[in-house]
């Protein structure tokens, strides 16, 4: 979600104006551009495919009904959408018990075997062990810390953008990431700390 629909902020705002006028094609363009990123965010927080899909639809329904409330002078459109999505995730989380689904599938970047050739058994076993350990460690994080990791490393937000989405001071966003680093490092041990540094620049 680093780019704007149409390639510029002006094009995005024109698209939003068309939506406000009831242009169904404009609604579809906005959805197509932002849906994948918002789904990844919702899934990384809720860890459930069905719940993430429900949140995605709910977030877009709310956004489309409240487009007149979006003020480009107060922040980027994607930040507004992230805020809505995180809020809907929190609502969903209050209603359901979080299942233990593998968050590592979403966030464990760089460990998938490259190319179509067969992976050596030793390499496959090592990759599986690392993924299992990191997935287990991620599940130990509190919901708030998991939100922070999802926004920082899943979506690539700055601390300032994270603060806007989470509705907290920037220092709080930074603190949550530090706490997540500490918790994951503690859970994974020395080998895990080296892995985190390599994957995410911890």
N, C-alpha and C. Protein backbone atom coordinates (compact mmCIF):
# COMPACT_ATOMS: atom_id res chain seq x y z
N UNK A 1 0.82 -1.19 0.00
CA UNK A 1 0.00 0.00 0.00
C UNK A 1 0.86 1.26 0.00
N UNK A 2 1.99 1.17 -0.63
CA UNK A 2 2.88 2.32 -0.72
C UNK A 2 2.46 3.27 -1.84
N UNK A 3 1.72 2.76 -2.83
CA UNK A 3 1.35 3.57 -3.98
C UNK A 3 -0.11 3.99 -3.90
N UNK A 4 -0.43 5.04 -4.65
CA UNK A 4 -1.80 5.52 -4.71
C UNK A 4 -2.51 4.91 -5.92
N UNK A 5 -3.82 4.68 -5.81
CA UNK A 5 -4.57 4.31 -7.01
C UNK A 5 -4.43 5.43 -8.05
N UNK A 6 -4.08 5.07 -9.27
CA UNK A 6 -3.87 6.09 -10.29
C UNK A 6 -2.49 6.71 -10.27
N UNK A 7 -1.67 6.36 -9.26
CA UNK A 7 -0.28 6.79 -9.24
C UNK A 7 0.05 8.05 -8.50
N UNK A 8 -0.95 8.76 -7.97
CA UNK A 8 -0.67 10.01 -7.26
C UNK A 8 -1.74 10.27 -6.22
N UNK A 9 -1.41 11.14 -5.27
CA UNK A 9 -2.39 11.49 -4.24
C UNK A 9 -3.57 12.23 -4.86
N UNK A 10 -3.29 13.04 -5.88
CA UNK A 10 -4.36 13.77 -6.55
C UNK A 10 -5.35 12.80 -7.19
N UNK A 11 -4.81 11.73 -7.80
CA UNK A 11 -5.68 10.74 -8.43
C UNK A 11 -6.52 10.01 -7.37
N UNK A 12 -5.91 9.73 -6.21
CA UNK A 12 -6.65 9.10 -5.13
C UNK A 12 -7.80 9.98 -4.68
N UNK A 13 -7.52 11.26 -4.44
CA UNK A 13 -8.56 12.16 -3.96
C UNK A 13 -9.68 12.32 -4.99
N UNK A 14 -9.31 12.29 -6.26
CA UNK A 14 -10.33 12.34 -7.31
C UNK A 14 -11.20 11.08 -7.26
N UNK A 15 -10.56 9.94 -6.99
CA UNK A 15 -11.29 8.69 -6.88
C UNK A 15 -12.23 8.71 -5.69
N UNK A 16 -11.77 9.26 -4.56
CA UNK A 16 -12.62 9.39 -3.38
C UNK A 16 -13.81 10.29 -3.68
N UNK A 17 -13.57 11.38 -4.39
CA UNK A 17 -14.67 12.28 -4.76
C UNK A 17 -15.70 11.57 -5.63
N UNK A 18 -15.22 10.72 -6.54
CA UNK A 18 -16.14 9.96 -7.38
C UNK A 18 -16.98 9.00 -6.53
N UNK A 19 -16.34 8.40 -5.52
CA UNK A 19 -17.09 7.52 -4.61
C UNK A 19 -18.17 8.30 -3.87
N UNK A 20 -17.82 9.49 -3.41
CA UNK A 20 -18.80 10.31 -2.71
C UNK A 20 -19.99 10.64 -3.60
N UNK A 21 -19.74 10.68 -4.91
CA UNK A 21 -20.81 10.94 -5.85
C UNK A 21 -21.59 9.71 -6.25
N UNK A 22 -21.22 8.55 -5.67
CA UNK A 22 -21.95 7.32 -5.93
C UNK A 22 -21.45 6.51 -7.11
N UNK A 23 -20.24 6.78 -7.58
CA UNK A 23 -19.67 6.07 -8.72
C UNK A 23 -19.24 4.66 -8.29
N UNK A 24 -19.95 3.64 -8.75
CA UNK A 24 -19.67 2.26 -8.35
C UNK A 24 -18.31 1.78 -8.86
N UNK A 25 -17.92 2.25 -10.03
CA UNK A 25 -16.61 1.88 -10.56
C UNK A 25 -15.49 2.39 -9.66
N UNK A 26 -15.66 3.58 -9.12
CA UNK A 26 -14.66 4.15 -8.21
C UNK A 26 -14.56 3.33 -6.93
N UNK A 27 -15.72 2.91 -6.41
CA UNK A 27 -15.71 2.03 -5.23
C UNK A 27 -14.90 0.76 -5.51
N UNK A 28 -15.12 0.18 -6.67
CA UNK A 28 -14.42 -1.06 -7.03
C UNK A 28 -12.92 -0.82 -7.14
N UNK A 29 -12.52 0.32 -7.70
CA UNK A 29 -11.09 0.62 -7.83
C UNK A 29 -10.43 0.76 -6.46
N UNK A 30 -11.09 1.45 -5.54
CA UNK A 30 -10.54 1.59 -4.20
C UNK A 30 -10.41 0.22 -3.53
N UNK A 31 -11.44 -0.59 -3.66
CA UNK A 31 -11.41 -1.91 -3.04
C UNK A 31 -10.26 -2.74 -3.59
N UNK A 32 -10.13 -2.78 -4.90
CA UNK A 32 -9.10 -3.60 -5.53
C UNK A 32 -7.70 -3.15 -5.10
N UNK A 33 -7.51 -1.85 -4.91
CA UNK A 33 -6.18 -1.36 -4.57
C UNK A 33 -5.81 -1.67 -3.12
N UNK A 34 -6.77 -1.59 -2.19
CA UNK A 34 -6.44 -1.68 -0.77
C UNK A 34 -6.80 -3.01 -0.12
N UNK A 35 -7.62 -3.83 -0.76
CA UNK A 35 -8.16 -5.02 -0.09
C UNK A 35 -7.08 -6.00 0.36
N UNK A 36 -6.11 -6.30 -0.50
CA UNK A 36 -5.12 -7.31 -0.16
C UNK A 36 -4.31 -6.92 1.07
N UNK A 37 -3.86 -5.67 1.13
CA UNK A 37 -3.08 -5.22 2.26
C UNK A 37 -3.88 -5.20 3.55
N UNK A 38 -5.14 -4.79 3.47
CA UNK A 38 -5.98 -4.75 4.66
C UNK A 38 -6.31 -6.16 5.14
N UNK A 39 -6.49 -7.08 4.19
CA UNK A 39 -6.74 -8.46 4.59
C UNK A 39 -5.52 -9.03 5.34
N UNK A 40 -4.31 -8.78 4.80
CA UNK A 40 -3.10 -9.27 5.48
C UNK A 40 -3.00 -8.71 6.88
N UNK A 41 -3.32 -7.42 7.03
CA UNK A 41 -3.27 -6.80 8.35
C UNK A 41 -4.27 -7.47 9.28
N UNK A 42 -5.50 -7.65 8.82
CA UNK A 42 -6.53 -8.26 9.68
C UNK A 42 -6.16 -9.69 10.05
N UNK A 43 -5.63 -10.45 9.08
CA UNK A 43 -5.27 -11.83 9.39
C UNK A 43 -4.11 -11.90 10.38
N UNK A 44 -3.13 -11.02 10.22
CA UNK A 44 -1.97 -11.06 11.11
C UNK A 44 -2.32 -10.71 12.54
N UNK A 45 -3.43 -9.99 12.73
CA UNK A 45 -3.89 -9.65 14.08
C UNK A 45 -4.82 -10.74 14.64
N UNK A 46 -5.74 -11.22 13.81
CA UNK A 46 -6.77 -12.15 14.29
C UNK A 46 -6.40 -13.62 14.13
N UNK A 47 -5.50 -13.92 13.19
CA UNK A 47 -5.02 -15.29 12.99
C UNK A 47 -6.13 -16.25 12.57
N UNK A 48 -7.13 -15.73 11.89
CA UNK A 48 -8.24 -16.57 11.44
C UNK A 48 -8.73 -16.05 10.09
N UNK A 49 -8.79 -16.94 9.10
CA UNK A 49 -9.15 -16.53 7.74
C UNK A 49 -10.55 -15.96 7.69
N UNK A 50 -11.51 -16.67 8.28
CA UNK A 50 -12.90 -16.20 8.24
C UNK A 50 -13.09 -14.87 8.93
N UNK A 51 -12.48 -14.71 10.11
CA UNK A 51 -12.60 -13.45 10.84
C UNK A 51 -11.95 -12.31 10.06
N UNK A 52 -10.80 -12.59 9.43
CA UNK A 52 -10.12 -11.55 8.64
C UNK A 52 -10.98 -11.13 7.45
N UNK A 53 -11.62 -12.08 6.80
CA UNK A 53 -12.51 -11.75 5.68
C UNK A 53 -13.69 -10.90 6.15
N UNK A 54 -14.26 -11.27 7.30
CA UNK A 54 -15.38 -10.50 7.84
C UNK A 54 -14.96 -9.07 8.17
N UNK A 55 -13.77 -8.94 8.79
CA UNK A 55 -13.27 -7.61 9.15
C UNK A 55 -13.02 -6.79 7.89
N UNK A 56 -12.46 -7.41 6.86
CA UNK A 56 -12.20 -6.69 5.61
C UNK A 56 -13.49 -6.10 5.05
N UNK A 57 -14.53 -6.91 4.98
CA UNK A 57 -15.80 -6.42 4.44
C UNK A 57 -16.38 -5.33 5.33
N UNK A 58 -16.33 -5.55 6.63
CA UNK A 58 -16.88 -4.57 7.57
C UNK A 58 -16.13 -3.25 7.48
N UNK A 59 -14.80 -3.34 7.34
CA UNK A 59 -13.99 -2.12 7.26
C UNK A 59 -14.34 -1.31 6.01
N UNK A 60 -14.51 -1.99 4.89
CA UNK A 60 -14.84 -1.28 3.66
C UNK A 60 -16.26 -0.70 3.71
N UNK A 61 -17.20 -1.44 4.28
CA UNK A 61 -18.56 -0.92 4.41
C UNK A 61 -18.54 0.36 5.24
N UNK A 62 -17.83 0.31 6.37
CA UNK A 62 -17.74 1.51 7.22
C UNK A 62 -17.06 2.65 6.47
N UNK A 63 -15.95 2.35 5.80
CA UNK A 63 -15.20 3.40 5.10
C UNK A 63 -16.04 4.04 4.01
N UNK A 64 -16.71 3.22 3.22
CA UNK A 64 -17.50 3.77 2.12
C UNK A 64 -18.67 4.61 2.63
N UNK A 65 -19.22 4.21 3.77
CA UNK A 65 -20.33 4.99 4.34
C UNK A 65 -19.86 6.28 4.98
N UNK A 66 -18.57 6.35 5.29
CA UNK A 66 -18.05 7.50 6.03
C UNK A 66 -16.95 8.23 5.28
N UNK A 67 -16.92 8.12 3.97
CA UNK A 67 -15.88 8.79 3.17
C UNK A 67 -15.87 10.29 3.40
N UNK A 68 -17.02 10.87 3.67
CA UNK A 68 -17.06 12.32 3.89
C UNK A 68 -16.31 12.74 5.14
N UNK A 69 -16.05 11.78 6.03
CA UNK A 69 -15.30 12.08 7.25
C UNK A 69 -13.79 12.03 7.04
N UNK A 70 -13.36 11.48 5.88
CA UNK A 70 -11.92 11.43 5.63
C UNK A 70 -11.41 12.81 5.27
N UNK A 71 -10.38 13.25 6.01
CA UNK A 71 -9.78 14.57 5.78
C UNK A 71 -8.32 14.38 5.37
N UNK A 72 -7.99 14.62 4.09
CA UNK A 72 -6.60 14.40 3.64
C UNK A 72 -5.59 15.28 4.34
N UNK A 73 -6.03 16.39 4.95
CA UNK A 73 -5.10 17.25 5.68
C UNK A 73 -4.68 16.64 7.01
N UNK A 74 -5.41 15.63 7.46
CA UNK A 74 -5.11 15.02 8.76
C UNK A 74 -4.35 13.71 8.64
N UNK A 75 -4.17 13.21 7.43
CA UNK A 75 -3.42 11.98 7.27
C UNK A 75 -3.67 11.31 5.94
N UNK A 76 -2.85 10.30 5.65
CA UNK A 76 -2.97 9.57 4.40
C UNK A 76 -4.21 8.67 4.42
N UNK A 77 -4.73 8.39 3.23
CA UNK A 77 -5.93 7.56 3.13
C UNK A 77 -5.66 6.16 3.66
N UNK A 78 -4.47 5.59 3.33
CA UNK A 78 -4.20 4.23 3.80
C UNK A 78 -4.11 4.18 5.32
N UNK A 79 -3.64 5.27 5.96
CA UNK A 79 -3.59 5.30 7.42
C UNK A 79 -5.00 5.29 7.99
N UNK A 80 -5.90 6.03 7.36
CA UNK A 80 -7.31 6.03 7.78
C UNK A 80 -7.89 4.63 7.66
N UNK A 81 -7.58 3.93 6.57
CA UNK A 81 -8.10 2.58 6.37
C UNK A 81 -7.48 1.60 7.37
N UNK A 82 -6.19 1.75 7.66
CA UNK A 82 -5.56 0.90 8.67
C UNK A 82 -6.25 1.09 10.02
N UNK A 83 -6.54 2.34 10.38
CA UNK A 83 -7.17 2.64 11.66
C UNK A 83 -8.53 1.96 11.76
N UNK A 84 -9.31 2.05 10.70
CA UNK A 84 -10.62 1.41 10.68
C UNK A 84 -10.47 -0.10 10.83
N UNK A 85 -9.52 -0.68 10.11
CA UNK A 85 -9.32 -2.13 10.14
C UNK A 85 -8.88 -2.61 11.51
N UNK A 86 -7.93 -1.92 12.13
CA UNK A 86 -7.48 -2.32 13.47
C UNK A 86 -8.62 -2.22 14.46
N UNK A 87 -9.44 -1.17 14.35
CA UNK A 87 -10.59 -1.01 15.24
C UNK A 87 -11.56 -2.17 15.08
N UNK A 88 -11.82 -2.56 13.84
CA UNK A 88 -12.73 -3.68 13.59
C UNK A 88 -12.12 -5.00 14.09
N UNK A 89 -10.81 -5.14 13.99
CA UNK A 89 -10.14 -6.33 14.54
C UNK A 89 -10.31 -6.40 16.05
N UNK A 90 -10.19 -5.27 16.71
CA UNK A 90 -10.35 -5.25 18.16
C UNK A 90 -11.77 -5.65 18.55
N UNK A 91 -12.74 -5.15 17.79
CA UNK A 91 -14.13 -5.52 18.06
C UNK A 91 -14.33 -7.02 17.88
N UNK A 92 -13.76 -7.56 16.80
CA UNK A 92 -13.88 -8.98 16.55
C UNK A 92 -13.21 -9.79 17.64
N UNK A 93 -12.04 -9.34 18.08
CA UNK A 93 -11.29 -10.06 19.10
C UNK A 93 -12.05 -10.11 20.42
N UNK A 94 -12.80 -9.05 20.70
CA UNK A 94 -13.58 -9.05 21.93
C UNK A 94 -14.69 -10.09 21.89
N UNK A 95 -15.14 -10.42 20.69
CA UNK A 95 -16.27 -11.35 20.56
C UNK A 95 -15.84 -12.80 20.42
N UNK A 96 -14.57 -13.02 20.12
CA UNK A 96 -14.13 -14.39 19.85
C UNK A 96 -12.85 -14.72 20.63
N UNK A 97 -12.65 -16.00 20.86
CA UNK A 97 -11.38 -16.47 21.43
C UNK A 97 -10.44 -16.70 20.27
N UNK A 98 -9.24 -16.11 20.34
CA UNK A 98 -8.29 -16.25 19.25
C UNK A 98 -7.81 -17.69 19.09
N UNK A 99 -7.92 -18.25 17.89
CA UNK A 99 -7.37 -19.60 17.65
C UNK A 99 -5.87 -19.54 17.50
N UNK A 100 -5.23 -20.67 17.64
CA UNK A 100 -3.78 -20.71 17.48
C UNK A 100 -3.44 -21.12 16.06
N UNK A 101 -3.51 -20.17 15.14
CA UNK A 101 -3.14 -20.39 13.74
C UNK A 101 -1.78 -19.78 13.50
N UNK A 102 -1.02 -20.35 12.61
CA UNK A 102 0.38 -20.02 12.40
C UNK A 102 0.59 -18.62 11.84
N UNK A 103 0.90 -17.65 12.71
CA UNK A 103 1.21 -16.30 12.27
C UNK A 103 2.49 -16.25 11.45
N UNK A 104 3.37 -17.21 11.67
CA UNK A 104 4.62 -17.25 10.91
C UNK A 104 4.40 -17.35 9.41
N UNK A 105 3.29 -17.94 8.98
CA UNK A 105 3.00 -18.02 7.56
C UNK A 105 2.91 -16.64 6.95
N UNK A 106 2.46 -15.66 7.74
CA UNK A 106 2.32 -14.31 7.22
C UNK A 106 3.60 -13.50 7.36
N UNK A 107 4.22 -13.57 8.54
CA UNK A 107 5.31 -12.65 8.86
C UNK A 107 6.71 -13.22 8.65
N UNK A 108 6.84 -14.53 8.53
CA UNK A 108 8.16 -15.13 8.44
C UNK A 108 8.67 -15.03 7.01
N UNK A 109 9.20 -13.86 6.67
CA UNK A 109 9.63 -13.59 5.30
C UNK A 109 11.03 -14.14 5.06
N UNK A 110 11.28 -14.59 3.85
CA UNK A 110 12.63 -14.97 3.46
C UNK A 110 13.02 -16.40 3.77
N UNK A 111 12.10 -17.20 4.32
CA UNK A 111 12.46 -18.56 4.65
C UNK A 111 11.85 -19.59 3.71
N UNK A 112 11.05 -19.14 2.74
CA UNK A 112 10.50 -20.08 1.78
C UNK A 112 11.57 -20.49 0.79
N UNK A 113 11.59 -21.74 0.38
CA UNK A 113 12.60 -22.17 -0.59
C UNK A 113 12.41 -21.45 -1.90
N UNK A 114 13.51 -21.05 -2.52
CA UNK A 114 13.42 -20.30 -3.78
C UNK A 114 13.50 -21.26 -4.95
N UNK A 115 12.70 -20.96 -6.00
CA UNK A 115 12.78 -21.74 -7.23
C UNK A 115 12.05 -23.05 -7.12
N UNK A 116 11.85 -23.72 -8.26
CA UNK A 116 11.08 -24.95 -8.28
C UNK A 116 11.87 -26.19 -7.90
N UNK A 117 13.19 -26.08 -7.75
CA UNK A 117 13.96 -27.30 -7.50
C UNK A 117 13.72 -27.84 -6.10
N UNK A 118 13.95 -29.11 -5.93
CA UNK A 118 13.70 -29.80 -4.66
C UNK A 118 14.64 -29.28 -3.58
N UNK A 119 14.10 -28.99 -2.41
CA UNK A 119 14.91 -28.52 -1.29
C UNK A 119 15.58 -29.70 -0.60
N UNK A 120 16.84 -29.53 -0.21
CA UNK A 120 17.55 -30.60 0.49
C UNK A 120 16.83 -30.91 1.80
N UNK A 121 16.78 -32.17 2.20
CA UNK A 121 16.07 -32.54 3.43
C UNK A 121 16.57 -31.78 4.66
N UNK A 122 17.90 -31.61 4.76
CA UNK A 122 18.46 -30.91 5.92
C UNK A 122 18.00 -29.45 5.95
N UNK A 123 17.98 -28.79 4.77
CA UNK A 123 17.55 -27.40 4.70
C UNK A 123 16.07 -27.27 5.00
N UNK A 124 15.28 -28.22 4.50
CA UNK A 124 13.84 -28.18 4.76
C UNK A 124 13.55 -28.35 6.24
N UNK A 125 14.28 -29.26 6.90
CA UNK A 125 14.08 -29.49 8.33
C UNK A 125 14.48 -28.26 9.14
N UNK A 126 15.61 -27.64 8.78
CA UNK A 126 16.06 -26.45 9.49
C UNK A 126 15.05 -25.32 9.33
N UNK A 127 14.55 -25.14 8.10
CA UNK A 127 13.58 -24.06 7.85
C UNK A 127 12.30 -24.31 8.64
N UNK A 128 11.87 -25.59 8.68
CA UNK A 128 10.66 -25.92 9.42
C UNK A 128 10.84 -25.65 10.91
N UNK A 129 11.99 -26.02 11.45
CA UNK A 129 12.25 -25.81 12.87
C UNK A 129 12.25 -24.32 13.22
N UNK A 130 12.88 -23.52 12.35
CA UNK A 130 12.92 -22.08 12.59
C UNK A 130 11.52 -21.49 12.54
N UNK A 131 10.76 -21.89 11.53
CA UNK A 131 9.41 -21.35 11.38
C UNK A 131 8.52 -21.75 12.55
N UNK A 132 8.65 -23.00 13.00
CA UNK A 132 7.87 -23.46 14.13
C UNK A 132 8.20 -22.66 15.39
N UNK A 133 9.49 -22.45 15.63
CA UNK A 133 9.91 -21.71 16.82
C UNK A 133 9.42 -20.26 16.79
N UNK A 134 9.56 -19.61 15.62
CA UNK A 134 9.14 -18.22 15.52
C UNK A 134 7.62 -18.09 15.61
N UNK A 135 6.91 -19.01 15.00
CA UNK A 135 5.45 -18.98 15.08
C UNK A 135 4.98 -19.13 16.51
N UNK A 136 5.60 -20.05 17.25
CA UNK A 136 5.23 -20.24 18.66
C UNK A 136 5.53 -18.98 19.47
N UNK A 137 6.67 -18.35 19.18
CA UNK A 137 7.04 -17.13 19.90
C UNK A 137 6.06 -16.00 19.59
N UNK A 138 5.66 -15.87 18.33
CA UNK A 138 4.71 -14.81 17.96
C UNK A 138 3.37 -14.99 18.66
N UNK A 139 2.97 -16.23 18.86
CA UNK A 139 1.68 -16.47 19.52
C UNK A 139 1.71 -16.11 20.99
N UNK A 140 2.91 -15.96 21.57
CA UNK A 140 2.99 -15.58 22.98
C UNK A 140 2.79 -14.08 23.19
N UNK A 141 2.86 -13.30 22.12
CA UNK A 141 2.71 -11.86 22.25
C UNK A 141 1.27 -11.49 22.61
N UNK A 142 1.13 -10.42 23.37
CA UNK A 142 -0.21 -9.89 23.66
C UNK A 142 -0.82 -9.35 22.37
N UNK A 143 -2.15 -9.19 22.31
CA UNK A 143 -2.78 -8.63 21.10
C UNK A 143 -2.21 -7.28 20.70
N UNK A 144 -1.94 -6.41 21.66
CA UNK A 144 -1.41 -5.09 21.33
C UNK A 144 -0.02 -5.17 20.72
N UNK A 145 0.81 -6.06 21.25
CA UNK A 145 2.16 -6.22 20.67
C UNK A 145 2.08 -6.87 19.29
N UNK A 146 1.15 -7.80 19.12
CA UNK A 146 1.00 -8.43 17.81
C UNK A 146 0.51 -7.41 16.78
N UNK A 147 -0.38 -6.50 17.19
CA UNK A 147 -0.79 -5.41 16.30
C UNK A 147 0.41 -4.59 15.86
N UNK A 148 1.27 -4.27 16.83
CA UNK A 148 2.44 -3.44 16.51
C UNK A 148 3.37 -4.15 15.53
N UNK A 149 3.62 -5.44 15.77
CA UNK A 149 4.49 -6.20 14.85
C UNK A 149 3.87 -6.28 13.47
N UNK A 150 2.55 -6.50 13.41
CA UNK A 150 1.86 -6.60 12.11
C UNK A 150 1.97 -5.30 11.33
N UNK A 151 1.82 -4.18 12.00
CA UNK A 151 1.88 -2.89 11.31
C UNK A 151 3.30 -2.53 10.91
N UNK A 152 4.24 -2.80 11.80
CA UNK A 152 5.64 -2.41 11.55
C UNK A 152 6.29 -3.30 10.49
N UNK A 153 6.15 -4.63 10.66
CA UNK A 153 6.87 -5.56 9.79
C UNK A 153 5.98 -6.19 8.72
N UNK A 154 4.68 -6.28 8.99
CA UNK A 154 3.78 -6.80 7.97
C UNK A 154 3.38 -5.76 6.94
N UNK A 155 3.25 -4.48 7.40
CA UNK A 155 2.81 -3.40 6.51
C UNK A 155 3.87 -2.35 6.26
N UNK A 156 4.96 -2.38 7.02
CA UNK A 156 6.07 -1.45 6.78
C UNK A 156 5.81 -0.02 7.22
N UNK A 157 4.93 0.18 8.22
CA UNK A 157 4.62 1.53 8.67
C UNK A 157 5.76 2.11 9.51
N UNK A 158 5.88 3.42 9.46
CA UNK A 158 6.79 4.12 10.35
C UNK A 158 6.16 4.18 11.74
N UNK A 159 6.95 4.55 12.74
CA UNK A 159 6.40 4.68 14.08
C UNK A 159 5.33 5.76 14.14
N UNK A 160 5.53 6.83 13.38
CA UNK A 160 4.53 7.90 13.36
C UNK A 160 3.21 7.40 12.77
N UNK A 161 3.30 6.64 11.70
CA UNK A 161 2.09 6.08 11.08
C UNK A 161 1.44 5.06 12.02
N UNK A 162 2.27 4.25 12.68
CA UNK A 162 1.72 3.30 13.64
C UNK A 162 0.95 4.01 14.75
N UNK A 163 1.51 5.11 15.24
CA UNK A 163 0.85 5.86 16.30
C UNK A 163 -0.50 6.38 15.84
N UNK A 164 -0.57 6.84 14.60
CA UNK A 164 -1.84 7.34 14.06
C UNK A 164 -2.87 6.22 13.99
N UNK A 165 -2.44 5.05 13.54
CA UNK A 165 -3.37 3.92 13.39
C UNK A 165 -3.83 3.40 14.75
N UNK A 166 -2.90 3.27 15.69
CA UNK A 166 -3.19 2.67 16.98
C UNK A 166 -3.80 3.67 17.97
N UNK A 167 -3.78 4.95 17.61
CA UNK A 167 -4.33 5.96 18.50
C UNK A 167 -3.53 6.14 19.77
N UNK A 168 -2.21 6.14 19.63
CA UNK A 168 -1.33 6.27 20.79
C UNK A 168 -0.18 7.20 20.44
N UNK A 169 0.56 7.70 21.43
CA UNK A 169 1.75 8.51 21.13
C UNK A 169 2.79 7.69 20.38
N UNK A 170 3.64 8.37 19.62
CA UNK A 170 4.68 7.67 18.88
C UNK A 170 5.59 6.89 19.81
N UNK A 171 5.90 7.45 20.97
CA UNK A 171 6.77 6.76 21.93
C UNK A 171 6.15 5.44 22.38
N UNK A 172 4.82 5.41 22.48
CA UNK A 172 4.15 4.18 22.87
C UNK A 172 4.29 3.13 21.78
N UNK A 173 4.14 3.55 20.52
CA UNK A 173 4.33 2.63 19.40
C UNK A 173 5.74 2.06 19.40
N UNK A 174 6.73 2.93 19.61
CA UNK A 174 8.11 2.48 19.68
C UNK A 174 8.31 1.51 20.84
N UNK A 175 7.68 1.81 21.97
CA UNK A 175 7.82 0.96 23.15
C UNK A 175 7.23 -0.41 22.91
N UNK A 176 6.10 -0.47 22.20
CA UNK A 176 5.47 -1.77 21.93
C UNK A 176 6.37 -2.64 21.06
N UNK A 177 7.04 -2.01 20.09
CA UNK A 177 7.96 -2.78 19.25
C UNK A 177 9.15 -3.27 20.07
N UNK A 178 9.66 -2.42 20.94
CA UNK A 178 10.78 -2.85 21.80
C UNK A 178 10.36 -4.02 22.69
N UNK A 179 9.16 -3.92 23.26
CA UNK A 179 8.66 -5.00 24.10
C UNK A 179 8.48 -6.28 23.29
N UNK A 180 7.99 -6.15 22.05
CA UNK A 180 7.84 -7.32 21.18
C UNK A 180 9.20 -7.93 20.87
N UNK A 181 10.20 -7.07 20.58
CA UNK A 181 11.56 -7.56 20.34
C UNK A 181 12.05 -8.36 21.55
N UNK A 182 11.89 -7.79 22.73
CA UNK A 182 12.39 -8.44 23.94
C UNK A 182 11.69 -9.77 24.17
N UNK A 183 10.36 -9.78 23.99
CA UNK A 183 9.60 -11.01 24.22
C UNK A 183 9.99 -12.10 23.23
N UNK A 184 10.13 -11.72 21.96
CA UNK A 184 10.50 -12.71 20.94
C UNK A 184 11.93 -13.20 21.15
N UNK A 185 12.83 -12.28 21.48
CA UNK A 185 14.22 -12.68 21.71
C UNK A 185 14.33 -13.63 22.89
N UNK A 186 13.57 -13.33 23.95
CA UNK A 186 13.58 -14.18 25.13
C UNK A 186 13.04 -15.56 24.81
N UNK A 187 11.98 -15.60 24.02
CA UNK A 187 11.36 -16.89 23.68
C UNK A 187 12.23 -17.72 22.76
N UNK A 188 13.01 -17.07 21.90
CA UNK A 188 13.78 -17.78 20.89
C UNK A 188 15.23 -18.07 21.29
N UNK A 189 15.74 -17.34 22.27
CA UNK A 189 17.12 -17.56 22.67
C UNK A 189 18.11 -16.91 21.71
N UNK A 190 19.39 -17.23 21.89
CA UNK A 190 20.46 -16.59 21.13
C UNK A 190 20.32 -16.84 19.63
N UNK A 191 20.05 -18.07 19.25
CA UNK A 191 19.88 -18.39 17.82
C UNK A 191 18.71 -17.60 17.24
N UNK A 192 17.66 -17.50 18.01
CA UNK A 192 16.50 -16.75 17.55
C UNK A 192 16.77 -15.28 17.38
N UNK A 193 17.57 -14.71 18.27
CA UNK A 193 17.91 -13.29 18.14
C UNK A 193 18.67 -13.03 16.85
N UNK A 194 19.59 -13.92 16.52
CA UNK A 194 20.32 -13.77 15.26
C UNK A 194 19.38 -13.88 14.06
N UNK A 195 18.41 -14.77 14.15
CA UNK A 195 17.43 -14.93 13.08
C UNK A 195 16.60 -13.66 12.91
N UNK A 196 16.14 -13.09 14.02
CA UNK A 196 15.33 -11.88 13.96
C UNK A 196 16.12 -10.73 13.35
N UNK A 197 17.38 -10.61 13.72
CA UNK A 197 18.20 -9.56 13.16
C UNK A 197 18.34 -9.72 11.65
N UNK A 198 18.48 -10.96 11.20
CA UNK A 198 18.64 -11.21 9.77
C UNK A 198 17.35 -10.95 9.00
N UNK A 199 16.20 -11.38 9.56
CA UNK A 199 14.94 -11.28 8.85
C UNK A 199 14.35 -9.87 8.88
N UNK A 200 14.31 -9.28 10.07
CA UNK A 200 13.54 -8.05 10.25
C UNK A 200 14.39 -6.86 10.68
N UNK A 201 15.68 -7.03 10.84
CA UNK A 201 16.51 -5.93 11.28
C UNK A 201 16.26 -5.54 12.72
N UNK A 202 15.90 -6.50 13.56
CA UNK A 202 15.65 -6.22 14.99
C UNK A 202 16.92 -5.70 15.63
